[in-house]
């Protein structure tokens, strides 16, 4: 488990990196909190080819097209999708995320 000073530093990094001010982490977060992709505790890095493929898919004119991203659990599929959507949102795209 991360000690509170390390957890606080990690959270400050997330806020500074994103420019957002999401809810702070719980006072004593469970270990699984740190693994949830939406908390973006770890910087996104790499996956350039996959990002390019998804951006190209976004740019297609095919109505109702679906992109399927598959892989073993824990490989970063959700973070990849979140990264591409965040980039598109920064480009003035409207992004809708549907809760499961």
PDB file of N, CA and C in Angstrom:
ATOM      1  N   UNK A   1       0.845  -1.182   0.000  1.00  0.00           N
ATOM      2  CA  UNK A   1       0.000   0.000   0.000  1.00  0.00           C
ATOM      3  C   UNK A   1       0.886   1.239   0.000  1.00  0.00           C
ATOM      4  N   UNK A   2       0.491   2.246  -0.733  1.00  0.00           N
ATOM      5  CA  UNK A   2       1.265   3.478  -0.790  1.00  0.00           C
ATOM      6  C   UNK A   2       1.092   4.266   0.492  1.00  0.00           C
ATOM      7  N   UNK A   3       2.152   4.860   0.931  1.00  0.00           N
ATOM      8  CA  UNK A   3       2.045   5.709   2.110  1.00  0.00           C
ATOM      9  C   UNK A   3       1.347   7.001   1.718  1.00  0.00           C
ATOM     10  N   UNK A   4       0.684   7.658   2.649  1.00  0.00           N
ATOM     11  CA  UNK A   4      -0.054   8.879   2.302  1.00  0.00           C
ATOM     12  C   UNK A   4       0.764   9.931   1.561  1.00  0.00           C
ATOM     13  N   UNK A   5       2.029  10.231   1.935  1.00  0.00           N
ATOM     14  CA  UNK A   5       2.762  11.244   1.175  1.00  0.00           C
ATOM     15  C   UNK A   5       2.962  10.839  -0.293  1.00  0.00           C
ATOM     16  N   UNK A   6       3.238   9.572  -0.554  1.00  0.00           N
ATOM     17  CA  UNK A   6       3.421   9.108  -1.929  1.00  0.00           C
ATOM     18  C   UNK A   6       2.092   9.189  -2.679  1.00  0.00           C
ATOM     19  N   UNK A   7       1.021   8.795  -2.023  1.00  0.00           N
ATOM     20  CA  UNK A   7      -0.295   8.853  -2.650  1.00  0.00           C
ATOM     21  C   UNK A   7      -0.660  10.294  -2.992  1.00  0.00           C
ATOM     22  N   UNK A   8      -0.387  11.213  -2.088  1.00  0.00           N
ATOM     23  CA  UNK A   8      -0.693  12.618  -2.332  1.00  0.00           C
ATOM     24  C   UNK A   8       0.131  13.173  -3.493  1.00  0.00           C
ATOM     25  N   UNK A   9       1.405  12.821  -3.557  1.00  0.00           N
ATOM     26  CA  UNK A   9       2.256  13.268  -4.665  1.00  0.00           C
ATOM     27  C   UNK A   9       1.743  12.724  -5.991  1.00  0.00           C
ATOM     28  N   UNK A  10       1.348  11.458  -5.997  1.00  0.00           N
ATOM     29  CA  UNK A  10       0.820  10.849  -7.221  1.00  0.00           C
ATOM     30  C   UNK A  10      -0.445  11.580  -7.659  1.00  0.00           C
ATOM     31  N   UNK A  11      -1.312  11.903  -6.710  1.00  0.00           N
ATOM     32  CA  UNK A  11      -2.561  12.575  -7.056  1.00  0.00           C
ATOM     33  C   UNK A  11      -2.292  13.982  -7.581  1.00  0.00           C
ATOM     34  N   UNK A  12      -1.370  14.707  -6.959  1.00  0.00           N
ATOM     35  CA  UNK A  12      -1.027  16.046  -7.441  1.00  0.00           C
ATOM     36  C   UNK A  12      -0.500  15.987  -8.875  1.00  0.00           C
ATOM     37  N   UNK A  13       0.266  14.936  -9.172  1.00  0.00           N
ATOM     38  CA  UNK A  13       0.785  14.759 -10.529  1.00  0.00           C
ATOM     39  C   UNK A  13      -0.361  14.578 -11.522  1.00  0.00           C
ATOM     40  N   UNK A  14      -1.356  13.804 -11.154  1.00  0.00           N
ATOM     41  CA  UNK A  14      -2.511  13.586 -12.033  1.00  0.00           C
ATOM     42  C   UNK A  14      -3.208  14.913 -12.303  1.00  0.00           C
ATOM     43  N   UNK A  15      -3.438  15.686 -11.266  1.00  0.00           N
ATOM     44  CA  UNK A  15      -4.142  16.965 -11.417  1.00  0.00           C
ATOM     45  C   UNK A  15      -3.328  17.920 -12.282  1.00  0.00           C
ATOM     46  N   UNK A  16      -2.024  18.002 -12.047  1.00  0.00           N
ATOM     47  CA  UNK A  16      -1.176  18.896 -12.828  1.00  0.00           C
ATOM     48  C   UNK A  16      -1.083  18.452 -14.288  1.00  0.00           C
ATOM     49  N   UNK A  17      -0.963  17.163 -14.512  1.00  0.00           N
ATOM     50  CA  UNK A  17      -0.804  16.641 -15.875  1.00  0.00           C
ATOM     51  C   UNK A  17      -2.068  16.840 -16.705  1.00  0.00           C
ATOM     52  N   UNK A  18      -3.218  16.701 -16.084  1.00  0.00           N
ATOM     53  CA  UNK A  18      -4.470  16.792 -16.837  1.00  0.00           C
ATOM     54  C   UNK A  18      -5.060  18.189 -16.828  1.00  0.00           C
ATOM     55  N   UNK A  19      -4.649  19.007 -15.884  1.00  0.00           N
ATOM     56  CA  UNK A  19      -5.234  20.336 -15.766  1.00  0.00           C
ATOM     57  C   UNK A  19      -6.633  20.287 -15.180  1.00  0.00           C
ATOM     58  N   UNK A  20      -7.069  19.109 -14.832  1.00  0.00           N
ATOM     59  CA  UNK A  20      -8.404  18.937 -14.261  1.00  0.00           C
ATOM     60  C   UNK A  20      -8.309  18.908 -12.744  1.00  0.00           C
ATOM     61  N   UNK A  21      -9.417  19.081 -12.134  1.00  0.00           N
ATOM     62  CA  UNK A  21      -9.466  18.996 -10.679  1.00  0.00           C
ATOM     63  C   UNK A  21     -10.551  18.005 -10.277  1.00  0.00           C
ATOM     64  N   UNK A  22     -10.302  16.732 -10.570  1.00  0.00           N
ATOM     65  CA  UNK A  22     -11.284  15.719 -10.206  1.00  0.00           C
ATOM     66  C   UNK A  22     -11.330  15.548  -8.695  1.00  0.00           C
ATOM     67  N   UNK A  23     -12.257  14.750  -8.264  1.00  0.00           N
ATOM     68  CA  UNK A  23     -12.355  14.492  -6.834  1.00  0.00           C
ATOM     69  C   UNK A  23     -11.036  13.930  -6.328  1.00  0.00           C
ATOM     70  N   UNK A  24     -10.619  14.348  -5.150  1.00  0.00           N
ATOM     71  CA  UNK A  24      -9.371  13.804  -4.603  1.00  0.00           C
ATOM     72  C   UNK A  24      -9.552  12.327  -4.267  1.00  0.00           C
ATOM     73  N   UNK A  25      -8.456  11.616  -4.128  1.00  0.00           N
ATOM     74  CA  UNK A  25      -8.587  10.205  -3.769  1.00  0.00           C
ATOM     75  C   UNK A  25      -9.178  10.082  -2.376  1.00  0.00           C
ATOM     76  N   UNK A  26      -9.785   8.957  -2.087  1.00  0.00           N
ATOM     77  CA  UNK A  26     -10.303   8.749  -0.741  1.00  0.00           C
ATOM     78  C   UNK A  26      -9.178   8.877   0.288  1.00  0.00           C
ATOM     79  N   UNK A  27      -9.552   9.146   1.513  1.00  0.00           N
ATOM     80  CA  UNK A  27      -8.561   9.313   2.574  1.00  0.00           C
ATOM     81  C   UNK A  27      -7.636   8.107   2.677  1.00  0.00           C
ATOM     82  N   UNK A  28      -8.192   6.929   2.618  1.00  0.00           N
ATOM     83  CA  UNK A  28      -7.401   5.696   2.673  1.00  0.00           C
ATOM     84  C   UNK A  28      -7.878   4.788   1.543  1.00  0.00           C
ATOM     85  N   UNK A  29      -7.437   5.083   0.297  1.00  0.00           N
ATOM     86  CA  UNK A  29      -7.974   4.335  -0.841  1.00  0.00           C
ATOM     87  C   UNK A  29      -7.578   2.863  -0.806  1.00  0.00           C
ATOM     88  N   UNK A  30      -8.514   2.043  -1.248  1.00  0.00           N
ATOM     89  CA  UNK A  30      -8.230   0.616  -1.383  1.00  0.00           C
ATOM     90  C   UNK A  30      -7.198   0.441  -2.495  1.00  0.00           C
ATOM     91  N   UNK A  31      -6.419  -0.604  -2.460  1.00  0.00           N
ATOM     92  CA  UNK A  31      -5.435  -0.827  -3.529  1.00  0.00           C
ATOM     93  C   UNK A  31      -6.058  -0.817  -4.923  1.00  0.00           C
ATOM     94  N   UNK A  32      -7.288  -1.268  -5.052  1.00  0.00           N
ATOM     95  CA  UNK A  32      -7.923  -1.299  -6.366  1.00  0.00           C
ATOM     96  C   UNK A  32      -8.220   0.096  -6.904  1.00  0.00           C
ATOM     97  N   UNK A  33      -8.348   1.100  -6.034  1.00  0.00           N
ATOM     98  CA  UNK A  33      -8.598   2.470  -6.499  1.00  0.00           C
ATOM     99  C   UNK A  33      -7.473   2.920  -7.416  1.00  0.00           C
ATOM    100  N   UNK A  34      -6.241   2.548  -7.072  1.00  0.00           N
ATOM    101  CA  UNK A  34      -5.072   2.970  -7.835  1.00  0.00           C
ATOM    102  C   UNK A  34      -5.009   2.292  -9.196  1.00  0.00           C
ATOM    103  N   UNK A  35      -5.739   1.206  -9.376  1.00  0.00           N
ATOM    104  CA  UNK A  35      -5.718   0.465 -10.634  1.00  0.00           C
ATOM    105  C   UNK A  35      -6.811   0.901 -11.608  1.00  0.00           C
ATOM    106  N   UNK A  36      -7.791   1.634 -11.136  1.00  0.00           N
ATOM    107  CA  UNK A  36      -8.908   2.026 -12.005  1.00  0.00           C
ATOM    108  C   UNK A  36      -8.429   3.011 -13.061  1.00  0.00           C
ATOM    109  N   UNK A  37      -8.720   2.719 -14.299  1.00  0.00           N
ATOM    110  CA  UNK A  37      -8.200   3.511 -15.419  1.00  0.00           C
ATOM    111  C   UNK A  37      -8.633   4.969 -15.364  1.00  0.00           C
ATOM    112  N   UNK A  38      -9.847   5.232 -14.902  1.00  0.00           N
ATOM    113  CA  UNK A  38     -10.325   6.614 -14.900  1.00  0.00           C
ATOM    114  C   UNK A  38      -9.569   7.502 -13.913  1.00  0.00           C
ATOM    115  N   UNK A  39      -8.852   6.901 -12.967  1.00  0.00           N
ATOM    116  CA  UNK A  39      -8.068   7.692 -12.023  1.00  0.00           C
ATOM    117  C   UNK A  39      -6.723   8.118 -12.607  1.00  0.00           C
ATOM    118  N   UNK A  40      -6.310   7.521 -13.695  1.00  0.00           N
ATOM    119  CA  UNK A  40      -5.102   7.883 -14.441  1.00  0.00           C
ATOM    120  C   UNK A  40      -3.904   8.174 -13.540  1.00  0.00           C
ATOM    121  N   UNK A  41      -3.644   7.254 -12.643  1.00  0.00           N
ATOM    122  CA  UNK A  41      -2.526   7.419 -11.713  1.00  0.00           C
ATOM    123  C   UNK A  41      -1.195   7.325 -12.446  1.00  0.00           C
ATOM    124  N   UNK A  42      -1.136   6.495 -13.463  1.00  0.00           N
ATOM    125  CA  UNK A  42       0.088   6.318 -14.254  1.00  0.00           C
ATOM    126  C   UNK A  42      -0.089   7.047 -15.576  1.00  0.00           C
ATOM    127  N   UNK A  43       0.927   7.780 -16.004  1.00  0.00           N
ATOM    128  CA  UNK A  43       0.864   8.481 -17.287  1.00  0.00           C
ATOM    129  C   UNK A  43       0.670   7.489 -18.429  1.00  0.00           C
ATOM    130  N   UNK A  44      -0.067   7.910 -19.440  1.00  0.00           N
ATOM    131  CA  UNK A  44      -0.244   7.085 -20.632  1.00  0.00           C
ATOM    132  C   UNK A  44       0.994   7.241 -21.502  1.00  0.00           C
ATOM    133  N   UNK A  45       1.532   6.143 -21.969  1.00  0.00           N
ATOM    134  CA  UNK A  45       2.731   6.195 -22.807  1.00  0.00           C
ATOM    135  C   UNK A  45       2.645   5.124 -23.882  1.00  0.00           C
ATOM    136  N   UNK A  46       3.191   5.431 -25.038  1.00  0.00           N
ATOM    137  CA  UNK A  46       3.259   4.434 -26.106  1.00  0.00           C
ATOM    138  C   UNK A  46       1.928   4.213 -26.800  1.00  0.00           C
ATOM    139  N   UNK A  47       1.792   3.015 -27.356  1.00  0.00           N
ATOM    140  CA  UNK A  47       0.583   2.607 -28.084  1.00  0.00           C
ATOM    141  C   UNK A  47       0.279   3.545 -29.252  1.00  0.00           C
ATOM    142  N   UNK A  48       1.327   4.123 -29.847  1.00  0.00           N
ATOM    143  CA  UNK A  48       1.152   5.082 -30.939  1.00  0.00           C
ATOM    144  C   UNK A  48       0.444   4.455 -32.130  1.00  0.00           C
ATOM    145  N   UNK A  49       0.843   3.247 -32.492  1.00  0.00           N
ATOM    146  CA  UNK A  49       0.222   2.593 -33.647  1.00  0.00           C
ATOM    147  C   UNK A  49      -1.265   2.359 -33.393  1.00  0.00           C
ATOM    148  N   UNK A  50      -1.611   1.891 -32.214  1.00  0.00           N
ATOM    149  CA  UNK A  50      -3.016   1.651 -31.890  1.00  0.00           C
ATOM    150  C   UNK A  50      -3.802   2.959 -31.879  1.00  0.00           C
ATOM    151  N   UNK A  51      -3.195   4.027 -31.356  1.00  0.00           N
ATOM    152  CA  UNK A  51      -3.860   5.324 -31.353  1.00  0.00           C
ATOM    153  C   UNK A  51      -4.119   5.794 -32.781  1.00  0.00           C
ATOM    154  N   UNK A  52      -3.129   5.624 -33.646  1.00  0.00           N
ATOM    155  CA  UNK A  52      -3.286   6.026 -35.046  1.00  0.00           C
ATOM    156  C   UNK A  52      -4.407   5.254 -35.727  1.00  0.00           C
ATOM    157  N   UNK A  53      -4.498   3.971 -35.442  1.00  0.00           N
ATOM    158  CA  UNK A  53      -5.561   3.140 -36.033  1.00  0.00           C
ATOM    159  C   UNK A  53      -6.933   3.628 -35.570  1.00  0.00           C
ATOM    160  N   UNK A  54      -7.054   3.921 -34.273  1.00  0.00           N
ATOM    161  CA  UNK A  54      -8.345   4.387 -33.761  1.00  0.00           C
ATOM    162  C   UNK A  54      -8.679   5.786 -34.270  1.00  0.00           C
ATOM    163  N   UNK A  55      -7.688   6.637 -34.422  1.00  0.00           N
ATOM    164  CA  UNK A  55      -7.943   7.976 -34.983  1.00  0.00           C
ATOM    165  C   UNK A  55      -8.409   7.861 -36.437  1.00  0.00           C
ATOM    166  N   UNK A  56      -7.781   6.972 -37.194  1.00  0.00           N
ATOM    167  CA  UNK A  56      -8.195   6.757 -38.584  1.00  0.00           C
ATOM    168  C   UNK A  56      -9.627   6.236 -38.628  1.00  0.00           C
ATOM    169  N   UNK A  57      -9.966   5.350 -37.704  1.00  0.00           N
ATOM    170  CA  UNK A  57     -11.333   4.840 -37.634  1.00  0.00           C
ATOM    171  C   UNK A  57     -12.306   5.983 -37.346  1.00  0.00           C
ATOM    172  N   UNK A  58     -11.925   6.880 -36.421  1.00  0.00           N
ATOM    173  CA  UNK A  58     -12.782   8.027 -36.104  1.00  0.00           C
ATOM    174  C   UNK A  58     -13.024   8.902 -37.330  1.00  0.00           C
ATOM    175  N   UNK A  59     -12.036   8.973 -38.206  1.00  0.00           N
ATOM    176  CA  UNK A  59     -12.115   9.845 -39.370  1.00  0.00           C
ATOM    177  C   UNK A  59     -12.847   9.222 -40.563  1.00  0.00           C
ATOM    178  N   UNK A  60     -13.224   7.950 -40.456  1.00  0.00           N
ATOM    179  CA  UNK A  60     -13.937   7.314 -41.572  1.00  0.00           C
ATOM    180  C   UNK A  60     -15.344   7.878 -41.668  1.00  0.00           C
ATOM    181  N   UNK A  61     -15.906   7.759 -42.836  1.00  0.00           N
ATOM    182  CA  UNK A  61     -17.245   8.283 -43.085  1.00  0.00           C
ATOM    183  C   UNK A  61     -18.307   7.186 -42.986  1.00  0.00           C
ATOM    184  N   UNK A  62     -17.917   6.014 -42.494  1.00  0.00           N
ATOM    185  CA  UNK A  62     -18.859   4.896 -42.425  1.00  0.00           C
ATOM    186  C   UNK A  62     -19.843   5.098 -41.271  1.00  0.00           C
ATOM    187  N   UNK A  63     -21.132   5.288 -41.587  1.00  0.00           N
ATOM    188  CA  UNK A  63     -22.114   5.477 -40.511  1.00  0.00           C
ATOM    189  C   UNK A  63     -22.295   4.191 -39.707  1.00  0.00           C
ATOM    190  N   UNK A  64     -22.333   4.332 -38.411  1.00  0.00           N
ATOM    191  CA  UNK A  64     -22.551   3.180 -37.547  1.00  0.00           C
ATOM    192  C   UNK A  64     -21.369   2.246 -37.417  1.00  0.00           C
ATOM    193  N   UNK A  65     -20.184   2.685 -37.813  1.00  0.00           N
ATOM    194  CA  UNK A  65     -19.003   1.830 -37.724  1.00  0.00           C
ATOM    195  C   UNK A  65     -18.652   1.569 -36.257  1.00  0.00           C
ATOM    196  N   UNK A  66     -18.144   0.402 -36.007  1.00  0.00           N
ATOM    197  CA  UNK A  66     -17.763   0.011 -34.651  1.00  0.00           C
ATOM    198  C   UNK A  66     -16.309  -0.439 -34.669  1.00  0.00           C
ATOM    199  N   UNK A  67     -15.549   0.022 -33.686  1.00  0.00           N
ATOM    200  CA  UNK A  67     -14.164  -0.433 -33.521  1.00  0.00           C
ATOM    201  C   UNK A  67     -14.131  -1.364 -32.323  1.00  0.00           C
ATOM    202  N   UNK A  68     -13.548  -2.518 -32.498  1.00  0.00           N
ATOM    203  CA  UNK A  68     -13.441  -3.494 -31.424  1.00  0.00           C
ATOM    204  C   UNK A  68     -11.986  -3.601 -31.007  1.00  0.00           C
ATOM    205  N   UNK A  69     -11.729  -3.311 -29.744  1.00  0.00           N
ATOM    206  CA  UNK A  69     -10.374  -3.399 -29.192  1.00  0.00           C
ATOM    207  C   UNK A  69     -10.376  -4.596 -28.240  1.00  0.00           C
ATOM    208  N   UNK A  70      -9.558  -5.580 -28.558  1.00  0.00           N
ATOM    209  CA  UNK A  70      -9.540  -6.788 -27.742  1.00  0.00           C
ATOM    210  C   UNK A  70      -8.160  -7.030 -27.158  1.00  0.00           C
ATOM    211  N   UNK A  71      -8.113  -7.843 -26.125  1.00  0.00           N
ATOM    212  CA  UNK A  71      -6.845  -8.190 -25.509  1.00  0.00           C
ATOM    213  C   UNK A  71      -7.072  -8.751 -24.120  1.00  0.00           C
ATOM    214  N   UNK A  72      -6.018  -9.275 -23.550  1.00  0.00           N
ATOM    215  CA  UNK A  72      -6.076  -9.806 -22.197  1.00  0.00           C
ATOM    216  C   UNK A  72      -6.404  -8.682 -21.213  1.00  0.00           C
ATOM    217  N   UNK A  73      -6.975  -9.055 -20.087  1.00  0.00           N
ATOM    218  CA  UNK A  73      -7.257  -8.084 -19.036  1.00  0.00           C
ATOM    219  C   UNK A  73      -5.977  -7.412 -18.556  1.00  0.00           C
ATOM    220  N   UNK A  74      -6.059  -6.121 -18.289  1.00  0.00           N
ATOM    221  CA  UNK A  74      -4.920  -5.399 -17.751  1.00  0.00           C
ATOM    222  C   UNK A  74      -3.920  -4.930 -18.779  1.00  0.00           C
ATOM    223  N   UNK A  75      -4.259  -5.000 -20.063  1.00  0.00           N
ATOM    224  CA  UNK A  75      -3.324  -4.620 -21.121  1.00  0.00           C
ATOM    225  C   UNK A  75      -3.440  -3.153 -21.521  1.00  0.00           C
ATOM    226  N   UNK A  76      -4.462  -2.445 -21.008  1.00  0.00           N
ATOM    227  CA  UNK A  76      -4.597  -1.021 -21.301  1.00  0.00           C
ATOM    228  C   UNK A  76      -5.627  -0.667 -22.353  1.00  0.00           C
ATOM    229  N   UNK A  77      -6.582  -1.542 -22.607  1.00  0.00           N
ATOM    230  CA  UNK A  77      -7.603  -1.259 -23.619  1.00  0.00           C
ATOM    231  C   UNK A  77      -8.443  -0.041 -23.240  1.00  0.00           C
ATOM    232  N   UNK A  78      -8.872   0.011 -22.002  1.00  0.00           N
ATOM    233  CA  UNK A  78      -9.696   1.128 -21.547  1.00  0.00           C
ATOM    234  C   UNK A  78      -8.904   2.424 -21.566  1.00  0.00           C
ATOM    235  N   UNK A  79      -7.671   2.397 -21.079  1.00  0.00           N
ATOM    236  CA  UNK A  79      -6.836   3.609 -21.088  1.00  0.00           C
ATOM    237  C   UNK A  79      -6.585   4.078 -22.514  1.00  0.00           C
ATOM    238  N   UNK A  80      -6.384   3.142 -23.440  1.00  0.00           N
ATOM    239  CA  UNK A  80      -6.187   3.497 -24.844  1.00  0.00           C
ATOM    240  C   UNK A  80      -7.410   4.241 -25.371  1.00  0.00           C
ATOM    241  N   UNK A  81      -8.586   3.697 -25.127  1.00  0.00           N
ATOM    242  CA  UNK A  81      -9.819   4.347 -25.584  1.00  0.00           C
ATOM    243  C   UNK A  81      -9.983   5.706 -24.911  1.00  0.00           C
ATOM    244  N   UNK A  82      -9.718   5.787 -23.621  1.00  0.00           N
ATOM    245  CA  UNK A  82      -9.835   7.059 -22.919  1.00  0.00           C
ATOM    246  C   UNK A  82      -8.867   8.093 -23.475  1.00  0.00           C
ATOM    247  N   UNK A  83      -7.665   7.673 -23.823  1.00  0.00           N
ATOM    248  CA  UNK A  83      -6.656   8.584 -24.375  1.00  0.00           C
ATOM    249  C   UNK A  83      -7.105   9.125 -25.730  1.00  0.00           C
ATOM    250  N   UNK A  84      -7.558   8.241 -26.602  1.00  0.00           N
ATOM    251  CA  UNK A  84      -7.998   8.679 -27.933  1.00  0.00           C
ATOM    252  C   UNK A  84      -9.201   9.617 -27.797  1.00  0.00           C
ATOM    253  N   UNK A  85     -10.137   9.282 -26.919  1.00  0.00           N
ATOM    254  CA  UNK A  85     -11.309  10.142 -26.737  1.00  0.00           C
ATOM    255  C   UNK A  85     -10.925  11.488 -26.144  1.00  0.00           C
ATOM    256  N   UNK A  86      -9.999  11.502 -25.195  1.00  0.00           N
ATOM    257  CA  UNK A  86      -9.544  12.770 -24.608  1.00  0.00           C
ATOM    258  C   UNK A  86      -8.864  13.641 -25.657  1.00  0.00           C
ATOM    259  N   UNK A  87      -8.058  13.016 -26.511  1.00  0.00           N
ATOM    260  CA  UNK A  87      -7.410  13.769 -27.591  1.00  0.00           C
ATOM    261  C   UNK A  87      -8.442  14.356 -28.541  1.00  0.00           C
ATOM    262  N   UNK A  88      -9.441  13.563 -28.883  1.00  0.00           N
ATOM    263  CA  UNK A  88     -10.486  14.037 -29.788  1.00  0.00           C
ATOM    264  C   UNK A  88     -11.300  15.153 -29.135  1.00  0.00           C
ATOM    265  N   UNK A  89     -11.562  15.016 -27.863  1.00  0.00           N
ATOM    266  CA  UNK A  89     -12.302  16.050 -27.151  1.00  0.00           C
ATOM    267  C   UNK A  89     -11.510  17.357 -27.156  1.00  0.00           C
ATOM    268  N   UNK A  90     -10.199  17.268 -27.015  1.00  0.00           N
ATOM    269  CA  UNK A  90      -9.338  18.451 -27.065  1.00  0.00           C
ATOM    270  C   UNK A  90      -9.352  19.088 -28.453  1.00  0.00           C
ATOM    271  N   UNK A  91      -9.719  18.303 -29.473  1.00  0.00           N
ATOM    272  CA  UNK A  91      -9.827  18.803 -30.853  1.00  0.00           C
ATOM    273  C   UNK A  91     -11.248  19.284 -31.157  1.00  0.00           C
ATOM    274  N   UNK A  92     -12.021  19.518 -30.106  1.00  0.00           N
ATOM    275  CA  UNK A  92     -13.401  20.027 -30.198  1.00  0.00           C
ATOM    276  C   UNK A  92     -14.408  18.990 -30.681  1.00  0.00           C
ATOM    277  N   UNK A  93     -14.083  17.710 -30.565  1.00  0.00           N
ATOM    278  CA  UNK A  93     -15.064  16.669 -30.844  1.00  0.00           C
ATOM    279  C   UNK A  93     -16.002  16.575 -29.650  1.00  0.00           C
ATOM    280  N   UNK A  94     -17.214  16.167 -29.911  1.00  0.00           N
ATOM    281  CA  UNK A  94     -18.132  15.860 -28.832  1.00  0.00           C
ATOM    282  C   UNK A  94     -17.914  14.413 -28.465  1.00  0.00           C
ATOM    283  N   UNK A  95     -17.665  14.149 -27.207  1.00  0.00           N
ATOM    284  CA  UNK A  95     -17.388  12.789 -26.750  1.00  0.00           C
ATOM    285  C   UNK A  95     -18.458  12.389 -25.751  1.00  0.00           C
ATOM    286  N   UNK A  96     -19.052  11.264 -25.993  1.00  0.00           N
ATOM    287  CA  UNK A  96     -20.072  10.727 -25.100  1.00  0.00           C
ATOM    288  C   UNK A  96     -19.591   9.403 -24.562  1.00  0.00           C
ATOM    289  N   UNK A  97     -19.538   9.300 -23.255  1.00  0.00           N
ATOM    290  CA  UNK A  97     -19.163   8.031 -22.627  1.00  0.00           C
ATOM    291  C   UNK A  97     -20.401   7.478 -21.953  1.00  0.00           C
ATOM    292  N   UNK A  98     -20.690   6.231 -22.219  1.00  0.00           N
ATOM    293  CA  UNK A  98     -21.865   5.585 -21.673  1.00  0.00           C
ATOM    294  C   UNK A  98     -21.442   4.677 -20.531  1.00  0.00           C
ATOM    295  N   UNK A  99     -22.073   4.849 -19.386  1.00  0.00           N
ATOM    296  CA  UNK A  99     -21.745   4.021 -18.221  1.00  0.00           C
ATOM    297  C   UNK A  99     -22.227   2.596 -18.466  1.00  0.00           C
ATOM    298  N   UNK A 100     -21.485   1.661 -17.936  1.00  0.00           N
ATOM    299  CA  UNK A 100     -21.899   0.274 -18.117  1.00  0.00           C
ATOM    300  C   UNK A 100     -22.952  -0.118 -17.132  1.00  0.00           C
TER     301      UNK A 100
END
